[in-house]
């Protein structure tokens, strides 16, 4: 089970998907939507987990549980 973060790279301006605790990004993308999709696929392939999407300035703006991860608040996650 792996958690991923989708953040904007301050140096290049691209979006990246990075596994929690990793030194390097798993991939770089032109748009946040592409990075989010890739992060969800990476998480799914590693057994599920949380994908946390950050705003361009840094704070987490959304989080999504990828199956078969354990969503701690399943009835409240109506956005995904």
Protein backbone atom coordinates (compact mmCIF):
# COMPACT_ATOMS: atom_id res chain seq x y z
CA UNK A 1 0.00 0.00 0.00
CA UNK A 2 1.46 3.35 -1.05
CA UNK A 3 0.36 6.93 -0.61
CA UNK A 4 1.13 9.52 -3.28
CA UNK A 5 1.22 13.32 -3.38
CA UNK A 6 0.48 15.43 -6.45
CA UNK A 7 2.40 18.70 -6.25
CA UNK A 8 3.64 21.47 -8.51
CA UNK A 9 7.39 21.49 -9.14
CA UNK A 10 8.62 24.98 -8.23
CA UNK A 11 11.64 24.77 -10.56
CA UNK A 12 9.98 23.55 -13.77
CA UNK A 13 6.34 24.51 -13.23
CA UNK A 14 5.25 20.97 -14.10
CA UNK A 15 3.14 18.75 -11.88
CA UNK A 16 4.62 15.65 -10.27
CA UNK A 17 3.35 12.47 -8.68
CA UNK A 18 5.57 11.38 -5.80
CA UNK A 19 5.29 8.38 -3.49
CA UNK A 20 5.23 9.39 0.17
CA UNK A 21 8.75 9.16 1.58
CA UNK A 22 10.44 8.84 -1.83
CA UNK A 23 13.40 11.00 -2.83
CA UNK A 24 12.35 11.38 -6.47
CA UNK A 25 9.05 11.86 -8.24
CA UNK A 26 7.47 8.86 -9.96
CA UNK A 27 6.64 11.08 -12.93
CA UNK A 28 6.35 14.65 -14.22
CA UNK A 29 3.27 15.90 -16.09
CA UNK A 30 2.05 19.02 -17.88
CA UNK A 31 -1.23 19.24 -15.94
CA UNK A 32 -2.44 18.49 -12.44
CA UNK A 33 -5.13 16.22 -13.88
CA UNK A 34 -2.52 14.05 -15.64
CA UNK A 35 -0.42 13.83 -12.47
CA UNK A 36 -3.48 12.91 -10.38
CA UNK A 37 -4.49 10.16 -12.81
CA UNK A 38 -0.95 8.73 -12.81
CA UNK A 39 -0.69 8.88 -8.99
CA UNK A 40 -3.97 6.97 -8.66
CA UNK A 41 -2.70 4.32 -11.08
CA UNK A 42 0.62 4.02 -9.21
CA UNK A 43 -1.24 3.67 -5.91
CA UNK A 44 -3.65 1.10 -7.36
CA UNK A 45 -0.73 -0.97 -8.69
CA UNK A 46 0.92 -1.00 -5.26
CA UNK A 47 -2.18 -2.20 -3.40
CA UNK A 48 -4.10 1.05 -2.90
CA UNK A 49 -3.66 3.97 -0.57
CA UNK A 50 -4.28 7.71 -0.37
CA UNK A 51 -3.63 10.22 -3.16
CA UNK A 52 -3.30 13.73 -1.81
CA UNK A 53 -3.71 16.55 -4.31
CA UNK A 54 -2.02 19.82 -3.41
CA UNK A 55 -2.94 23.28 -4.64
CA UNK A 56 -0.30 25.12 -6.73
CA UNK A 57 0.83 26.97 -3.58
CA UNK A 58 1.30 23.77 -1.56
CA UNK A 59 -1.53 22.99 0.90
CA UNK A 60 -3.54 19.80 0.41
CA UNK A 61 -6.80 20.69 -1.33
CA UNK A 62 -8.20 17.18 -1.78
CA UNK A 63 -7.55 13.55 -0.90
CA UNK A 64 -8.82 10.37 -2.45
CA UNK A 65 -8.61 6.75 -1.32
CA UNK A 66 -7.59 4.30 -4.04
CA UNK A 67 -8.93 0.75 -3.70
CA UNK A 68 -8.21 -1.55 -2.03
CA UNK A 69 -7.06 1.09 0.47
CA UNK A 70 -9.02 1.67 3.65
CA UNK A 71 -10.98 4.93 3.54
CA UNK A 72 -11.34 6.12 7.15
CA UNK A 73 -14.43 8.20 6.25
CA UNK A 74 -16.22 6.38 3.41
CA UNK A 75 -19.62 8.09 3.66
CA UNK A 76 -18.11 11.59 3.48
CA UNK A 77 -16.05 11.04 0.30
CA UNK A 78 -18.72 11.99 -2.23
CA UNK A 79 -16.43 13.84 -4.66
CA UNK A 80 -14.80 10.75 -6.18
